[in-house]
C-alpha cells in the first residue's frame, strides 16, 4: 500500500477527524519535513520551531548525528526484549551514571512511564525498608508528571483527573515553593516520597526556589522519605546544565529523564542509587520496549552532543539573546510582565489584560511561520532546539514581533 497523499495540510488535518480518537486537537499545520529548527508543510511553507516537540527535539530535526545513529543501529539490532540485555543500553546507562549521582538506571519509553516507575520504586523501597504503612506521595499544585493513571493522579492539576474515577490512596498535593505546607503533611511513619519538578513546565514555567529544594532535601532525609526530581522536561541540557539538579546543588534520590534524552526517539529513564534500586527485584517492574537497542543507541549519541560543554554554555547564551530581544519587542508592543524559567525553557507571563488568552497567539504565529507552545492559560512557552542558530532565533522573533504588531 502506498503512503497516503494529501494535496494540502488542510486536507490532511480534516482527514485526522475521520480516523483518530478525539483526545487531541492538532494545529492546522501538518509538518512533513524538518531540518534543524525549521519544518515544512505539504505546501512547502517553512516554520521556525520554537516548541521543539515540547522540549523533545534537543538537536533539532534530522540532525546528522541522529540520522547516522539510526542508520547504523538499524542495520544491526532493533529489538530483543528484556529477556536479554544489549550493548547500546549498557553504554547509555554507563554515560548517565558517569555524569550524574546515579548508580543504577532503568529504561522505559516515555516521561510518564519514567515517573510511574519512580513512584513504584519509591513505594516499594519504603515498604521493604520501613513499613507497608509508609506509602504516601507528596506532590505539588499545578504539577504534571504524566498521563498514566498513577502519574496523572499524583499530578496537581484536577482537570486531568476528572472523569476517571477515584484516585489511588496516599496522594497529597500542596502549594509549590511552600516549604511550610510540606512540613505540615510530611510524616516519618507514612511518607514514602516527595516528587517535584525543578521547574513546573505544564503548570506555567514556575522555577523552584533553591531554598525550597534544599528544604525538601532536608525534610526527606529527616523523615526517611525519598526525594524524586521529575526532570523529564528540565533534563538533558534544557537549563544549561546536564540536569537541573546540578544547577541547584540539590541531589535527589531518584531522577526521571525522557523527552530530550532521545532527541525525538521515544525513550525514558529512571536514575537512582544502588541501595534504592535494589528494591526492584526481578519481576517487580518492566517494559517491553524499555532499553530497546535502537532507541538507546540514538539516545547515547544525543547524550554526547548535549553533554558537550559548548552545547551547555550555548544554551545560556541563546537564552540571553532570546530574552534580550523579547524585552526589546515588549518595549514596543507590551504583552508580558515576567520572563520565567531557566536556559531554553522560557515562559512569558502575559500582561493582565491578556491573561487567559495564551492560546490565541498560536494560530496567528503559525500563519506567520512560527511554532511555539503555551503553559496553561497565561503563559507563552518557548522550548526550542538547544542548537538553534542565531539566524533562526532572530527570524523567529521577527515573525513573532509581526504578530504583535498586527494585534
Protein backbone atom coordinates (compact mmCIF):
# COMPACT_ATOMS: atom_id res chain seq x y z
CA UNK A 1 0.00 0.00 0.00
CA UNK A 2 1.37 3.40 -0.93
CA UNK A 3 1.74 6.20 1.62
CA UNK A 4 -1.34 8.39 1.97
CA UNK A 5 -1.04 11.53 -0.13
CA UNK A 6 -2.70 14.85 0.63
CA UNK A 7 -2.95 17.93 -1.56
CA UNK A 8 -2.64 20.28 1.42
CA UNK A 9 -2.23 20.49 5.17
CA UNK A 10 -5.91 21.40 5.42
CA UNK A 11 -6.91 18.15 3.70
CA UNK A 12 -4.62 16.13 6.00
CA UNK A 13 -5.96 17.88 9.10
CA UNK A 14 -9.57 17.21 8.01
CA UNK A 15 -8.75 13.52 7.49
CA UNK A 16 -7.49 13.38 11.08
CA UNK A 17 -11.07 13.76 12.33
CA UNK A 18 -12.17 10.68 10.38
CA UNK A 19 -9.56 8.24 11.70
CA UNK A 20 -8.22 9.45 15.06
CA UNK A 21 -9.73 9.46 18.54
CA UNK A 22 -10.71 12.99 19.60
CA UNK A 23 -8.32 13.36 22.55
CA UNK A 24 -6.11 15.72 20.51
CA UNK A 25 -6.95 18.90 18.63
CA UNK A 26 -3.87 19.34 16.44
CA UNK A 27 -2.83 22.51 14.69
CA UNK A 28 -3.88 23.12 11.09
CA UNK A 29 -0.17 22.94 10.27
CA UNK A 30 0.80 19.40 9.21
CA UNK A 31 4.60 19.12 9.08
CA UNK A 32 6.09 16.75 6.52
CA UNK A 33 9.82 17.57 6.79
CA UNK A 34 12.20 19.11 9.29
CA UNK A 35 15.77 20.39 9.08
CA UNK A 36 17.41 21.91 12.14
CA UNK A 37 14.96 24.38 13.68
CA UNK A 38 12.79 24.69 10.60
CA UNK A 39 9.94 22.49 9.46
CA UNK A 40 7.96 22.43 6.22
CA UNK A 41 4.32 21.61 5.49
CA UNK A 42 2.61 19.98 2.48
CA UNK A 43 2.76 23.27 0.56
CA UNK A 44 6.46 23.76 1.29
CA UNK A 45 5.92 26.68 3.67
CA UNK A 46 8.65 26.94 6.29
CA UNK A 47 8.11 27.41 10.02
CA UNK A 48 10.64 28.20 12.72
CA UNK A 49 10.20 25.73 15.54
CA UNK A 50 10.29 27.37 18.96
CA UNK A 51 8.30 24.49 20.51
CA UNK A 52 10.81 21.71 19.99
CA UNK A 53 8.15 19.00 20.20
CA UNK A 54 7.52 20.18 23.78
CA UNK A 55 11.21 20.24 24.72
CA UNK A 56 11.98 16.97 22.92
CA UNK A 57 13.97 17.76 19.77
CA UNK A 58 17.09 18.88 21.61
CA UNK A 59 19.26 18.70 18.49
CA UNK A 60 16.60 19.97 16.12
CA UNK A 61 15.11 17.96 13.27
CA UNK A 62 17.10 15.34 11.36
CA UNK A 63 20.41 16.19 12.99
CA UNK A 64 23.13 14.30 11.08
CA UNK A 65 24.42 12.60 14.24
CA UNK A 66 20.95 11.15 14.88
CA UNK A 67 20.38 10.22 11.24
CA UNK A 68 23.66 8.30 11.17
CA UNK A 69 22.94 6.66 14.55
CA UNK A 70 19.55 5.42 13.34
CA UNK A 71 21.06 4.12 10.10
CA UNK A 72 23.96 2.45 11.90
CA UNK A 73 21.86 0.65 14.52
CA UNK A 74 19.02 -0.18 12.11
CA UNK A 75 21.44 -2.45 10.28
CA UNK A 76 22.39 -4.30 13.47
CA UNK A 77 19.62 -4.94 16.00
CA UNK A 78 16.28 -3.26 16.74
CA UNK A 79 14.58 -5.26 19.48
CA UNK A 80 15.08 -8.40 21.53
CA UNK A 81 13.01 -7.84 24.74
CA UNK A 82 14.42 -7.69 28.25
CA UNK A 83 14.95 -11.43 28.34
CA UNK A 84 18.31 -10.21 27.02
CA UNK A 85 20.42 -7.12 27.61
CA UNK A 86 22.11 -5.23 24.78
CA UNK A 87 25.26 -3.18 24.30
CA UNK A 88 23.60 0.19 23.43
CA UNK A 89 21.55 0.10 26.65
CA UNK A 90 24.66 -0.67 28.70
CA UNK A 91 26.63 2.12 27.03
CA UNK A 92 23.87 4.69 27.63
CA UNK A 93 23.42 3.61 31.24
CA UNK A 94 27.16 3.96 31.85
CA UNK A 95 27.13 7.51 30.46
CA UNK A 96 24.21 8.52 32.65
CA UNK A 97 25.87 7.06 35.74
CA UNK A 98 29.25 8.60 34.98
CA UNK A 99 27.74 12.07 34.64
CA UNK A 100 25.16 12.11 37.47
CA UNK A 101 24.65 10.98 41.06
CA UNK A 102 23.12 7.71 39.86
CA UNK A 103 24.46 4.19 40.29
CA UNK A 104 21.68 2.28 38.53
CA UNK A 105 19.38 3.01 35.56
CA UNK A 106 16.03 1.64 34.37
CA UNK A 107 14.89 2.34 30.79
CA UNK A 108 11.35 2.76 29.53
CA UNK A 109 9.64 4.63 26.69
CA UNK A 110 8.35 7.99 27.94
CA UNK A 111 8.34 10.54 30.74
CA UNK A 112 5.03 9.28 32.09
CA UNK A 113 6.41 5.74 32.30
CA UNK A 114 9.61 7.02 33.92
CA UNK A 115 7.62 8.80 36.63
CA UNK A 116 5.37 5.76 37.06
CA UNK A 117 8.47 3.65 37.59
CA UNK A 118 9.98 6.16 40.01
CA UNK A 119 6.83 6.28 42.12
CA UNK A 120 6.54 2.50 42.19
CA UNK A 121 10.21 2.24 43.17
CA UNK A 122 9.73 4.76 45.99
CA UNK A 123 6.74 2.92 47.42
CA UNK A 124 8.41 -0.45 47.09
CA UNK A 125 11.58 0.80 48.80
CA UNK A 126 9.57 2.30 51.67
CA UNK A 127 7.60 -0.95 52.01
CA UNK A 128 10.74 -3.11 52.06
CA UNK A 129 12.93 -0.94 54.26
CA UNK A 130 10.38 0.53 56.67
CA UNK A 131 6.72 -0.47 56.68
CA UNK A 132 3.71 -1.21 54.43
CA UNK A 133 2.11 1.88 56.02
CA UNK A 134 4.78 4.14 54.54
CA UNK A 135 3.24 4.77 51.11
CA UNK A 136 2.18 8.43 50.89
CA UNK A 137 3.39 10.56 47.99
CA UNK A 138 3.60 14.35 48.35
CA UNK A 139 3.43 16.40 45.15
CA UNK A 140 2.59 19.99 44.28
CA UNK A 141 -0.29 22.04 42.95
CA UNK A 142 -0.01 22.70 39.20
CA UNK A 143 2.50 19.87 38.78
CA UNK A 144 2.37 17.49 35.84
CA UNK A 145 4.00 14.08 35.89
CA UNK A 146 2.44 12.19 33.00
CA UNK A 147 -0.71 10.57 31.64
CA UNK A 148 -0.65 7.10 33.17
CA UNK A 149 -3.36 6.70 35.77
CA UNK A 150 -0.99 6.86 38.72
CA UNK A 151 1.04 9.81 37.44
CA UNK A 152 -2.00 11.84 36.42
CA UNK A 153 -3.40 11.33 39.92
CA UNK A 154 -0.13 12.35 41.55
CA UNK A 155 -0.04 15.49 39.40
CA UNK A 156 -1.53 18.60 40.96
CA UNK A 157 -3.97 19.57 38.19
CA UNK A 158 -7.54 18.41 38.75
CA UNK A 159 -8.56 18.92 35.12
CA UNK A 160 -6.53 15.88 34.10
CA UNK A 161 -8.13 13.62 36.74
CA UNK A 162 -11.79 14.38 36.13
CA UNK A 163 -13.95 11.55 34.87
CA UNK A 164 -11.54 8.71 35.58
CA UNK A 165 -12.94 7.54 38.89
CA UNK A 166 -11.45 7.51 42.37
CA UNK A 167 -7.75 8.26 42.64
CA UNK A 168 -5.37 5.93 44.49
CA UNK A 169 -4.85 6.39 48.22
CA UNK A 170 -1.96 8.25 49.73
CA UNK A 171 -1.50 11.21 47.37
CA UNK A 172 -1.17 14.68 48.89
CA UNK A 173 -0.92 17.91 46.87
CA UNK A 174 0.39 21.09 48.49
CA UNK A 175 1.39 24.55 47.14
CA UNK A 176 4.62 24.74 45.14
CA UNK A 177 7.55 26.64 46.69
CA UNK A 178 5.82 26.49 50.10
CA UNK A 179 8.07 24.58 52.49
CA UNK A 180 5.81 25.23 55.47
CA UNK A 181 2.94 23.47 53.69
CA UNK A 182 5.17 20.42 53.21
CA UNK A 183 6.18 20.41 56.86
CA UNK A 184 2.50 20.17 57.83
CA UNK A 185 1.87 16.97 55.87
CA UNK A 186 5.16 15.06 55.81
CA UNK A 187 5.34 12.09 58.16
CA UNK A 188 8.16 9.77 59.10
CA UNK A 189 5.62 6.98 59.52
CA UNK A 190 3.68 7.41 56.28
CA UNK A 191 5.57 9.50 53.68
CA UNK A 192 7.39 7.41 51.09
CA UNK A 193 8.47 10.21 48.76
CA UNK A 194 8.16 13.78 47.56
CA UNK A 195 8.09 14.27 43.79
CA UNK A 196 8.88 17.70 42.37
CA UNK A 197 9.69 19.35 39.05
CA UNK A 198 12.63 21.76 39.45
CA UNK A 199 10.69 23.92 37.00
CA UNK A 200 6.98 23.28 36.57
CA UNK A 201 6.54 23.02 32.82
CA UNK A 202 2.86 22.43 32.08
CA UNK A 203 1.94 24.35 35.22
CA UNK A 204 3.25 27.71 33.96
CA UNK A 205 7.09 27.59 33.86
CA UNK A 206 7.45 28.19 37.60
CA UNK A 207 11.03 27.65 38.80
CA UNK A 208 11.57 26.24 42.26
CA UNK A 209 13.42 28.43 44.74
CA UNK A 210 16.81 27.00 45.65
CA UNK A 211 15.91 27.25 49.35
CA UNK A 212 12.71 25.31 48.68
CA UNK A 213 14.50 22.39 47.03
CA UNK A 214 17.17 22.36 49.73
CA UNK A 215 14.42 22.35 52.33
CA UNK A 216 12.74 19.39 50.63
CA UNK A 217 16.05 17.54 50.69
CA UNK A 218 16.40 18.13 54.41
CA UNK A 219 12.80 17.12 55.14
CA UNK A 220 13.13 13.91 53.13
CA UNK A 221 16.36 12.97 54.88
CA UNK A 222 14.87 13.68 58.32
CA UNK A 223 11.72 11.66 57.58
CA UNK A 224 13.27 8.67 55.78
CA UNK A 225 11.48 9.69 52.58
CA UNK A 226 12.86 9.72 49.05
CA UNK A 227 13.20 12.89 47.00
CA UNK A 228 12.22 12.39 43.36
CA UNK A 229 13.15 15.01 40.77
CA UNK A 230 10.96 14.88 37.68
CA UNK A 231 13.44 16.12 35.08
CA UNK A 232 11.51 14.91 32.07
CA UNK A 233 11.33 18.47 30.72
CA UNK A 234 14.24 20.15 32.52
CA UNK A 235 16.81 17.43 31.90
CA UNK A 236 19.32 16.85 29.11
CA UNK A 237 20.73 20.36 28.87
CA UNK A 238 17.48 22.30 28.82
CA UNK A 239 18.54 24.62 31.68
CA UNK A 240 22.21 24.90 30.69
CA UNK A 241 23.19 22.01 32.98
CA UNK A 242 23.01 18.37 32.01
CA UNK A 243 20.28 18.08 34.65
CA UNK A 244 18.71 20.96 36.55
CA UNK A 245 19.53 19.46 39.96
CA UNK A 246 23.19 20.14 39.22
CA UNK A 247 22.49 23.85 38.86
CA UNK A 248 20.50 23.92 42.09
CA UNK A 249 23.09 21.98 44.07
CA UNK A 250 20.44 19.61 45.44
CA UNK A 251 20.82 15.87 44.82
CA UNK A 252 17.66 13.75 44.62
CA UNK A 253 17.35 10.06 45.46
CA UNK A 254 15.57 9.29 42.19
CA UNK A 255 15.59 11.27 38.94
CA UNK A 256 13.45 10.77 35.86
CA UNK A 257 14.52 11.67 32.34
CA UNK A 258 12.84 11.47 28.91
CA UNK A 259 11.89 13.99 26.18
CA UNK A 260 15.30 15.35 25.06
CA UNK A 261 17.02 12.13 26.14
CA UNK A 262 16.16 10.61 22.77
CA UNK A 263 16.06 13.82 20.76
CA UNK A 264 12.74 12.67 19.26
CA UNK A 265 13.14 8.90 19.55
CA UNK A 266 10.90 7.58 22.38
CA UNK A 267 12.90 6.71 25.49
CA UNK A 268 12.69 7.38 29.21
CA UNK A 269 14.90 6.57 32.18
CA UNK A 270 14.78 6.28 35.95
CA UNK A 271 18.08 7.01 37.72
CA UNK A 272 18.79 6.10 41.34
CA UNK A 273 21.30 4.66 43.78
CA UNK A 274 22.26 1.01 44.13
CA UNK A 275 20.58 0.72 47.53
CA UNK A 276 17.24 2.16 46.47
CA UNK A 277 17.24 0.32 43.14
CA UNK A 278 17.72 -3.00 44.89
CA UNK A 279 14.00 -2.98 45.77
CA UNK A 280 13.08 -3.59 42.13
CA UNK A 281 13.90 -7.27 42.23
CA UNK A 282 13.22 -9.48 39.23
CA UNK A 283 9.55 -9.37 38.27
CA UNK A 284 8.55 -6.23 40.18
CA UNK A 285 8.53 -3.88 37.17
CA UNK A 286 9.24 -3.91 33.46
CA UNK A 287 8.68 -2.50 29.99
CA UNK A 288 8.52 -4.44 26.74
CA UNK A 289 10.34 -1.81 24.72
CA UNK A 290 12.38 -0.31 27.56
CA UNK A 291 16.09 -0.37 26.78
CA UNK A 292 15.41 -1.01 23.09
CA UNK A 293 18.82 -1.09 21.34
CA UNK A 294 17.74 1.28 18.56
CA UNK A 295 16.42 3.91 20.97
CA UNK A 296 19.38 3.55 23.32
CA UNK A 297 21.98 3.86 20.57
CA UNK A 298 20.39 7.06 19.27
CA UNK A 299 20.00 8.44 22.80
CA UNK A 300 23.66 7.69 23.50
CA UNK A 301 24.69 9.83 20.52
CA UNK A 302 22.28 12.60 21.53
CA UNK A 303 23.78 12.48 25.02
CA UNK A 304 27.29 13.05 23.63
CA UNK A 305 26.21 16.19 21.76
CA UNK A 306 24.14 17.61 24.63
CA UNK A 307 26.81 16.94 27.26
CA UNK A 308 29.45 18.84 25.28
CA UNK A 309 30.42 21.94 27.32
CA UNK A 310 29.93 24.06 24.18
CA UNK A 311 26.32 22.93 23.91
CA UNK A 312 25.58 23.59 27.58
CA UNK A 313 27.21 27.03 27.60
CA UNK A 314 25.46 27.77 24.32
CA UNK A 315 22.09 27.20 25.97
CA UNK A 316 22.73 30.07 28.36
CA UNK A 317 23.99 32.31 25.55
CA UNK A 318 20.93 31.58 23.44
CA UNK A 319 18.62 32.31 26.35
CA UNK A 320 20.31 35.67 26.87
CA UNK A 321 19.88 36.51 23.18
CA UNK A 322 16.20 35.49 23.17
CA UNK A 323 15.32 37.32 26.39
CA UNK A 324 17.13 40.49 25.36
CA UNK A 325 15.24 40.59 22.06
CA UNK A 326 11.93 39.78 23.75
CA UNK A 327 12.42 42.66 26.16
CA UNK A 328 13.10 44.96 23.21
CA UNK A 329 9.91 43.76 21.49
CA UNK A 330 7.96 44.14 24.72
CA UNK A 331 9.08 47.77 25.00
CA UNK A 332 7.35 48.46 21.67
CA UNK A 333 4.37 46.10 21.99
CA UNK A 334 3.84 45.33 25.70
CA UNK A 335 2.50 41.82 26.14
CA UNK A 336 4.26 40.18 29.10
CA UNK A 337 5.00 41.07 32.72
CA UNK A 338 7.63 38.44 33.53
CA UNK A 339 10.13 36.08 31.89
CA UNK A 340 10.20 32.72 33.66
CA UNK A 341 12.25 29.55 33.56
CA UNK A 342 15.91 28.78 33.02
CA UNK A 343 18.00 28.12 29.95
CA UNK A 344 15.89 27.30 26.90
CA UNK A 345 12.74 26.61 28.88
CA UNK A 346 11.27 30.10 28.65
CA UNK A 347 7.87 31.25 29.89
CA UNK A 348 6.37 34.66 29.15
CA UNK A 349 3.74 35.56 31.73
CA UNK A 350 1.22 37.67 29.86
CA UNK A 351 0.06 41.11 30.94
CA UNK A 352 -3.14 41.20 32.96
CA UNK A 353 -5.38 42.16 30.02
CA UNK A 354 -4.08 39.16 28.02
CA UNK A 355 -4.29 36.50 30.72
CA UNK A 356 -6.47 33.60 29.82
CA UNK A 357 -5.70 34.23 26.14
CA UNK A 358 -2.36 32.48 25.65
CA UNK A 359 -3.73 30.04 23.08
CA UNK A 360 -4.96 32.94 20.96
CA UNK A 361 -1.34 33.61 19.99
CA UNK A 362 -0.74 30.17 18.47
CA UNK A 363 -2.70 30.42 15.21
CA UNK A 364 -1.50 33.91 14.24
CA UNK A 365 2.09 32.87 14.94
CA UNK A 366 1.68 29.75 12.80
CA UNK A 367 0.28 31.88 9.99
CA UNK A 368 3.47 33.96 10.13
CA UNK A 369 5.65 30.85 10.18
CA UNK A 370 6.43 30.46 13.88
CA UNK A 371 5.55 27.46 16.03
CA UNK A 372 5.54 27.78 19.81
CA UNK A 373 3.73 26.50 22.91
CA UNK A 374 1.65 27.63 25.84
CA UNK A 375 1.85 26.63 29.50
CA UNK A 376 -1.64 26.96 30.89
CA UNK A 377 -3.84 29.92 30.01
CA UNK A 378 -1.49 32.77 30.87
CA UNK A 379 2.00 31.80 29.69
CA UNK A 380 3.62 31.55 26.26
CA UNK A 381 6.32 28.88 26.23
CA UNK A 382 9.46 28.59 24.13
CA UNK A 383 11.45 25.32 24.23
CA UNK A 384 13.49 25.28 21.00
CA UNK A 385 16.38 23.08 20.00
CA UNK A 386 19.45 23.53 22.18
CA UNK A 387 21.36 24.08 18.92
CA UNK A 388 19.03 26.64 17.35
CA UNK A 389 21.06 29.12 15.32
CA UNK A 390 21.19 32.85 15.97
CA UNK A 391 19.73 33.32 12.49
CA UNK A 392 16.67 31.24 13.36
CA UNK A 393 16.31 32.93 16.74
CA UNK A 394 16.32 36.35 15.13
CA UNK A 395 13.99 35.37 12.30
CA UNK A 396 11.58 33.61 14.67
CA UNK A 397 11.38 36.62 16.94
CA UNK A 398 10.95 38.91 13.93
CA UNK A 399 7.93 36.83 12.92
CA UNK A 400 6.66 36.98 16.48
CA UNK A 401 7.03 40.75 16.55
CA UNK A 402 4.99 40.98 13.35
CA UNK A 403 2.15 39.08 15.07
CA UNK A 404 2.22 41.51 17.97
CA UNK A 405 2.30 44.49 15.62
CA UNK A 406 -0.89 43.29 13.94
CA UNK A 407 -2.81 42.51 17.15
